[in-house]
Amino acid sequence: MNISEPLQIAIEEFSKFPGIGKKTAQRLSLFLLKKPIDEVEKFIGAIYNLKHKLKFCSVCFNITEFEICEICTSPKRDKSILCIVEEPSDIIAIERTNEYNGVYHVLSGVLSPLSGIGPEALKINELLKRLKTQEVSEIILALNPDTEGDATSLYLGKLLQPLNIKVTRIARGLPIGGDLEFADEATIARAVSNRGLL
């Protein structure tokens, strides 16, 4: 089938997005084609601003418009508690809960030897430098409960042990509203071993 070049280019660009296949890319391209030009220009402006107005915080590597993000500069935050996450999207998820009042450090990935990602590719050296200048009483490892997240947590635990800082990891187990009968054995085992008091 012969598709016009601008449409084909748009489909190819959309299909580069994670989780977007050729059919969805085609639907998105055709959706934009049908939209009024002012709405499309607003969309283009939003993408432009993503790349030109946002950067990474020089302290924690969260996404911000400023040199240092609003979380790092907030006087209301407990700077003695540091939560280590994989990506800025994890900060968004934690912040939505309104349960955490400390600060963050984004690793920008996790250890993955099969993908060639070692400690030098992550923001681990920046973390160690930060710990020399910032007084921290607890580090919370909030990494995904998968092979790479577990490996990174173990690595960081051993690396941080000589600093005499309390290192904890977020609890894992059954989701709220989940049924025991549908959960896998590993999840149930974690829920049982990480049980807490009522």
C-alpha atoms as a PDB file:
ATOM      1  CA  MET A   1       0.000   0.000   0.000  1.00  0.00           C
ATOM      2  CA  ASN A   2       1.288   3.429  -0.944  1.00  0.00           C
ATOM      3  CA  ILE A   3       1.230   5.864   2.010  1.00  0.00           C
ATOM      4  CA  SER A   4       2.175   9.506   1.609  1.00  0.00           C
ATOM      5  CA  GLU A   5       5.669  10.283   2.851  1.00  0.00           C
ATOM      6  CA  PRO A   6       4.707  12.738   5.656  1.00  0.00           C
ATOM      7  CA  LEU A   7       2.238  10.195   7.079  1.00  0.00           C
ATOM      8  CA  GLN A   8       4.790   7.386   6.803  1.00  0.00           C
ATOM      9  CA  ILE A   9       7.419   9.486   8.620  1.00  0.00           C
ATOM     10  CA  ALA A  10       4.917  10.330  11.401  1.00  0.00           C
ATOM     11  CA  ILE A  11       4.036   6.627  11.793  1.00  0.00           C
ATOM     12  CA  GLU A  12       7.719   5.681  11.978  1.00  0.00           C
ATOM     13  CA  GLU A  13       8.402   8.363  14.613  1.00  0.00           C
ATOM     14  CA  PHE A  14       5.422   7.374  16.786  1.00  0.00           C
ATOM     15  CA  SER A  15       6.387   3.696  16.559  1.00  0.00           C
ATOM     16  CA  LYS A  16       9.704   4.561  18.260  1.00  0.00           C
ATOM     17  CA  PHE A  17       7.780   5.297  21.488  1.00  0.00           C
ATOM     18  CA  PRO A  18       7.784   2.502  24.090  1.00  0.00           C
ATOM     19  CA  GLY A  19       4.703   0.308  23.834  1.00  0.00           C
ATOM     20  CA  ILE A  20       3.594   1.833  20.527  1.00  0.00           C
ATOM     21  CA  GLY A  21       3.344  -0.567  17.600  1.00  0.00           C
ATOM     22  CA  LYS A  22       2.801   0.279  13.927  1.00  0.00           C
ATOM     23  CA  LYS A  23      -1.014   0.143  14.165  1.00  0.00           C
ATOM     24  CA  THR A  24      -1.179   2.441  17.185  1.00  0.00           C
ATOM     25  CA  ALA A  25       1.376   4.750  15.551  1.00  0.00           C
ATOM     26  CA  GLN A  26      -0.826   4.915  12.468  1.00  0.00           C
ATOM     27  CA  ARG A  27      -3.911   5.675  14.617  1.00  0.00           C
ATOM     28  CA  LEU A  28      -2.065   8.463  16.439  1.00  0.00           C
ATOM     29  CA  SER A  29      -0.802   9.954  13.183  1.00  0.00           C
ATOM     30  CA  LEU A  30      -4.268   9.929  11.632  1.00  0.00           C
ATOM     31  CA  PHE A  31      -5.746  11.363  14.848  1.00  0.00           C
ATOM     32  CA  LEU A  32      -3.355  14.331  14.655  1.00  0.00           C
ATOM     33  CA  LEU A  33      -4.064  14.763  10.953  1.00  0.00           C
ATOM     34  CA  LYS A  34      -7.782  15.229  11.723  1.00  0.00           C
ATOM     35  CA  LYS A  35      -7.198  17.720  14.552  1.00  0.00           C
ATOM     36  CA  PRO A  36      -7.385  21.507  14.003  1.00  0.00           C
ATOM     37  CA  ILE A  37      -4.010  23.107  13.351  1.00  0.00           C
ATOM     38  CA  ASP A  38      -4.072  25.106  16.625  1.00  0.00           C
ATOM     39  CA  GLU A  39      -4.432  21.898  18.679  1.00  0.00           C
ATOM     40  CA  VAL A  40      -1.589  20.266  16.771  1.00  0.00           C
ATOM     41  CA  GLU A  41       0.601  23.344  17.284  1.00  0.00           C
ATOM     42  CA  LYS A  42      -0.185  23.221  21.015  1.00  0.00           C
ATOM     43  CA  PHE A  43       0.938  19.573  21.019  1.00  0.00           C
ATOM     44  CA  ILE A  44       4.127  20.469  19.134  1.00  0.00           C
ATOM     45  CA  GLY A  45       4.768  23.265  21.652  1.00  0.00           C
ATOM     46  CA  ALA A  46       4.369  20.842  24.556  1.00  0.00           C
ATOM     47  CA  ILE A  47       6.960  18.492  23.042  1.00  0.00           C
ATOM     48  CA  TYR A  48       9.288  21.418  22.301  1.00  0.00           C
ATOM     49  CA  ASN A  49       9.022  22.601  25.928  1.00  0.00           C
ATOM     50  CA  LEU A  50       9.804  19.092  27.193  1.00  0.00           C
ATOM     51  CA  LYS A  51      13.203  19.241  25.521  1.00  0.00           C
ATOM     52  CA  HIS A  52      13.981  22.942  25.953  1.00  0.00           C
ATOM     53  CA  LYS A  53      12.559  23.908  29.354  1.00  0.00           C
ATOM     54  CA  LEU A  54      13.124  20.776  31.412  1.00  0.00           C
ATOM     55  CA  LYS A  55      16.410  19.431  32.741  1.00  0.00           C
ATOM     56  CA  PHE A  56      17.654  17.188  35.516  1.00  0.00           C
ATOM     57  CA  CYS A  57      18.172  18.513  39.031  1.00  0.00           C
ATOM     58  CA  SER A  58      21.877  18.918  39.779  1.00  0.00           C
ATOM     59  CA  VAL A  59      21.350  17.402  43.253  1.00  0.00           C
ATOM     60  CA  CYS A  60      18.914  14.491  42.895  1.00  0.00           C
ATOM     61  CA  PHE A  61      18.500  14.122  39.073  1.00  0.00           C
ATOM     62  CA  ASN A  62      14.721  14.566  39.185  1.00  0.00           C
ATOM     63  CA  ILE A  63      13.051  16.430  36.311  1.00  0.00           C
ATOM     64  CA  THR A  64      12.821  20.193  36.865  1.00  0.00           C
ATOM     65  CA  GLU A  65      12.722  23.580  35.183  1.00  0.00           C
ATOM     66  CA  PHE A  66      15.378  24.897  37.568  1.00  0.00           C
ATOM     67  CA  GLU A  67      18.990  24.067  38.439  1.00  0.00           C
ATOM     68  CA  ILE A  68      17.784  22.442  41.681  1.00  0.00           C
ATOM     69  CA  CYS A  69      14.292  20.922  41.861  1.00  0.00           C
ATOM     70  CA  GLU A  70      11.452  22.062  44.117  1.00  0.00           C
ATOM     71  CA  ILE A  71      11.746  18.966  46.326  1.00  0.00           C
ATOM     72  CA  CYS A  72      15.446  19.533  47.059  1.00  0.00           C
ATOM     73  CA  THR A  73      14.917  23.235  47.835  1.00  0.00           C
ATOM     74  CA  SER A  74      11.763  22.815  49.928  1.00  0.00           C
ATOM     75  CA  PRO A  75      12.282  23.759  53.609  1.00  0.00           C
ATOM     76  CA  LYS A  76       9.371  21.439  54.499  1.00  0.00           C
ATOM     77  CA  ARG A  77      11.261  18.308  53.376  1.00  0.00           C
ATOM     78  CA  ASP A  78      13.179  16.097  55.788  1.00  0.00           C
ATOM     79  CA  LYS A  79      16.608  16.053  54.160  1.00  0.00           C
ATOM     80  CA  SER A  80      17.865  13.398  56.570  1.00  0.00           C
ATOM     81  CA  ILE A  81      15.772  10.735  54.794  1.00  0.00           C
ATOM     82  CA  LEU A  82      16.883   9.874  51.265  1.00  0.00           C
ATOM     83  CA  CYS A  83      14.804   7.672  48.973  1.00  0.00           C
ATOM     84  CA  ILE A  84      16.710   6.092  46.088  1.00  0.00           C
ATOM     85  CA  VAL A  85      14.666   5.399  42.953  1.00  0.00           C
ATOM     86  CA  GLU A  86      15.371   4.140  39.457  1.00  0.00           C
ATOM     87  CA  GLU A  87      13.726   6.891  37.375  1.00  0.00           C
ATOM     88  CA  PRO A  88      11.929  10.251  37.875  1.00  0.00           C
ATOM     89  CA  SER A  89       8.626   8.463  37.130  1.00  0.00           C
ATOM     90  CA  ASP A  90       9.103   6.606  40.440  1.00  0.00           C
ATOM     91  CA  ILE A  91       9.190   9.952  42.278  1.00  0.00           C
ATOM     92  CA  ILE A  92       5.870  10.880  40.676  1.00  0.00           C
ATOM     93  CA  ALA A  93       4.360   7.589  41.901  1.00  0.00           C
ATOM     94  CA  ILE A  94       5.657   8.049  45.466  1.00  0.00           C
ATOM     95  CA  GLU A  95       4.630  11.710  45.617  1.00  0.00           C
ATOM     96  CA  ARG A  96       1.058  10.786  44.622  1.00  0.00           C
ATOM     97  CA  THR A  97       0.706   8.883  47.913  1.00  0.00           C
ATOM     98  CA  ASN A  98       1.383  11.979  50.083  1.00  0.00           C
ATOM     99  CA  GLU A  99       3.070   9.584  52.548  1.00  0.00           C
ATOM    100  CA  TYR A 100       6.745  10.467  52.058  1.00  0.00           C
ATOM    101  CA  ASN A 101       8.312  13.737  53.188  1.00  0.00           C
ATOM    102  CA  GLY A 102      12.020  13.150  52.570  1.00  0.00           C
ATOM    103  CA  VAL A 103      14.181  13.815  49.509  1.00  0.00           C
ATOM    104  CA  TYR A 104      15.190  11.616  46.586  1.00  0.00           C
ATOM    105  CA  HIS A 105      18.107  10.412  44.520  1.00  0.00           C
ATOM    106  CA  VAL A 106      17.478   9.111  40.981  1.00  0.00           C
ATOM    107  CA  LEU A 107      19.917   6.429  39.808  1.00  0.00           C
ATOM    108  CA  SER A 108      18.852   6.787  36.143  1.00  0.00           C
ATOM    109  CA  GLY A 109      18.573   3.022  35.755  1.00  0.00           C
ATOM    110  CA  VAL A 110      19.517  -0.206  37.507  1.00  0.00           C
ATOM    111  CA  LEU A 111      22.363  -2.681  37.214  1.00  0.00           C
ATOM    112  CA  SER A 112      21.882  -4.986  34.248  1.00  0.00           C
ATOM    113  CA  PRO A 113      25.046  -6.872  33.262  1.00  0.00           C
ATOM    114  CA  LEU A 114      23.274  -8.556  30.322  1.00  0.00           C
ATOM    115  CA  SER A 115      22.496  -5.105  28.886  1.00  0.00           C
ATOM    116  CA  GLY A 116      25.979  -3.808  29.673  1.00  0.00           C
ATOM    117  CA  ILE A 117      24.781  -1.481  32.459  1.00  0.00           C
ATOM    118  CA  GLY A 118      27.286  -1.451  35.303  1.00  0.00           C
ATOM    119  CA  PRO A 119      27.662   0.814  38.360  1.00  0.00           C
ATOM    120  CA  GLU A 120      29.553   3.436  36.340  1.00  0.00           C
ATOM    121  CA  ALA A 121      26.477   4.003  34.122  1.00  0.00           C
ATOM    122  CA  LEU A 122      24.301   4.932  37.117  1.00  0.00           C
ATOM    123  CA  LYS A 123      24.328   7.989  39.398  1.00  0.00           C
ATOM    124  CA  ILE A 124      26.046   6.024  42.183  1.00  0.00           C
ATOM    125  CA  ASN A 125      29.219   8.159  42.346  1.00  0.00           C
ATOM    126  CA  GLU A 126      27.000  11.244  42.580  1.00  0.00           C
ATOM    127  CA  LEU A 127      25.129   9.561  45.451  1.00  0.00           C
ATOM    128  CA  LEU A 128      28.368   8.892  47.343  1.00  0.00           C
ATOM    129  CA  LYS A 129      29.516  12.508  46.838  1.00  0.00           C
ATOM    130  CA  ARG A 130      26.130  13.715  48.062  1.00  0.00           C
ATOM    131  CA  LEU A 131      26.366  11.587  51.201  1.00  0.00           C
ATOM    132  CA  LYS A 132      29.674  13.293  52.065  1.00  0.00           C
ATOM    133  CA  THR A 133      28.006  16.730  52.169  1.00  0.00           C
ATOM    134  CA  GLN A 134      24.434  15.912  53.284  1.00  0.00           C
ATOM    135  CA  GLU A 135      23.683  14.471  56.710  1.00  0.00           C
ATOM    136  CA  VAL A 136      21.462  11.433  56.130  1.00  0.00           C
ATOM    137  CA  SER A 137      20.045   9.193  58.874  1.00  0.00           C
ATOM    138  CA  GLU A 138      18.143   6.756  56.620  1.00  0.00           C
ATOM    139  CA  ILE A 139      18.338   5.621  53.025  1.00  0.00           C
ATOM    140  CA  ILE A 140      15.245   3.969  51.569  1.00  0.00           C
ATOM    141  CA  LEU A 141      15.825   1.753  48.536  1.00  0.00           C
ATOM    142  CA  ALA A 142      12.660   2.040  46.427  1.00  0.00           C
ATOM    143  CA  LEU A 143      13.716  -0.037  43.444  1.00  0.00           C
ATOM    144  CA  ASN A 144      11.488  -2.400  41.485  1.00  0.00           C
ATOM    145  CA  PRO A 145      11.172  -5.935  42.916  1.00  0.00           C
ATOM    146  CA  ASP A 146      12.730  -7.626  39.894  1.00  0.00           C
ATOM    147  CA  THR A 147      16.117  -9.219  39.218  1.00  0.00           C
ATOM    148  CA  GLU A 148      17.820  -5.939  38.289  1.00  0.00           C
ATOM    149  CA  GLY A 149      16.225  -4.024  41.172  1.00  0.00           C
ATOM    150  CA  ASP A 150      17.235  -6.724  43.651  1.00  0.00           C
ATOM    151  CA  ALA A 151      20.802  -6.812  42.316  1.00  0.00           C
ATOM    152  CA  THR A 152      21.074  -3.022  42.499  1.00  0.00           C
ATOM    153  CA  SER A 153      19.668  -2.978  46.053  1.00  0.00           C
ATOM    154  CA  LEU A 154      22.181  -5.634  47.169  1.00  0.00           C
ATOM    155  CA  TYR A 155      25.037  -3.740  45.522  1.00  0.00           C
ATOM    156  CA  LEU A 156      24.007  -0.442  47.150  1.00  0.00           C
ATOM    157  CA  GLY A 157      23.470  -2.126  50.526  1.00  0.00           C
ATOM    158  CA  LYS A 158      27.043  -3.438  50.537  1.00  0.00           C
ATOM    159  CA  LEU A 159      28.423  -0.144  49.222  1.00  0.00           C
ATOM    160  CA  LEU A 160      26.615   1.935  51.864  1.00  0.00           C
ATOM    161  CA  GLN A 161      27.255  -0.387  54.829  1.00  0.00           C
ATOM    162  CA  PRO A 162      30.584   1.248  55.870  1.00  0.00           C
ATOM    163  CA  LEU A 163      28.859   4.667  56.083  1.00  0.00           C
ATOM    164  CA  ASN A 164      26.849   3.589  59.155  1.00  0.00           C
ATOM    165  CA  ILE A 165      23.588   4.885  57.704  1.00  0.00           C
ATOM    166  CA  LYS A 166      20.357   2.959  58.261  1.00  0.00           C
ATOM    167  CA  VAL A 167      19.424   1.366  54.898  1.00  0.00           C
ATOM    168  CA  THR A 168      15.880   0.077  54.394  1.00  0.00           C
ATOM    169  CA  ARG A 169      13.929  -1.230  51.442  1.00  0.00           C
ATOM    170  CA  ILE A 170      10.280  -0.633  50.641  1.00  0.00           C
ATOM    171  CA  ALA A 171       8.043  -3.548  51.617  1.00  0.00           C
ATOM    172  CA  ARG A 172       6.801  -5.968  48.996  1.00  0.00           C
ATOM    173  CA  GLY A 173       3.812  -8.235  48.991  1.00  0.00           C
ATOM    174  CA  LEU A 174       0.162  -8.356  48.048  1.00  0.00           C
ATOM    175  CA  PRO A 175      -1.467  -5.280  46.511  1.00  0.00           C
ATOM    176  CA  ILE A 176      -4.463  -3.760  48.276  1.00  0.00           C
ATOM    177  CA  GLY A 177      -7.581  -5.372  46.861  1.00  0.00           C
ATOM    178  CA  GLY A 178      -5.621  -8.391  45.583  1.00  0.00           C
ATOM    179  CA  ASP A 179      -6.806 -11.969  46.076  1.00  0.00           C
ATOM    180  CA  LEU A 180      -4.488 -14.544  47.666  1.00  0.00           C
ATOM    181  CA  GLU A 181      -5.698 -17.278  45.341  1.00  0.00           C
ATOM    182  CA  PHE A 182      -4.518 -15.353  42.259  1.00  0.00           C
ATOM    183  CA  ALA A 183      -1.137 -14.266  43.628  1.00  0.00           C
ATOM    184  CA  ASP A 184       2.033 -16.135  42.698  1.00  0.00           C
ATOM    185  CA  GLU A 185       4.042 -18.041  45.310  1.00  0.00           C
ATOM    186  CA  ALA A 186       6.915 -15.548  45.434  1.00  0.00           C
ATOM    187  CA  THR A 187       4.534 -12.640  46.136  1.00  0.00           C
ATOM    188  CA  ILE A 188       2.746 -14.555  48.886  1.00  0.00           C
ATOM    189  CA  ALA A 189       6.076 -15.597  50.415  1.00  0.00           C
ATOM    190  CA  ARG A 190       7.238 -11.954  50.465  1.00  0.00           C
ATOM    191  CA  ALA A 191       3.944 -10.799  51.983  1.00  0.00           C
ATOM    192  CA  VAL A 192       4.232 -13.386  54.764  1.00  0.00           C
ATOM    193  CA  SER A 193       7.901 -12.709  55.523  1.00  0.00           C
ATOM    194  CA  ASN A 194       7.400  -8.901  55.442  1.00  0.00           C
ATOM    195  CA  ARG A 195       4.292  -8.966  57.632  1.00  0.00           C
ATOM    196  CA  GLY A 196       3.811  -6.139  60.132  1.00  0.00           C
ATOM    197  CA  LEU A 197       1.941  -5.519  63.375  1.00  0.00           C
ATOM    198  CA  LEU A 198      -1.696  -4.395  63.354  1.00  0.00           C
END
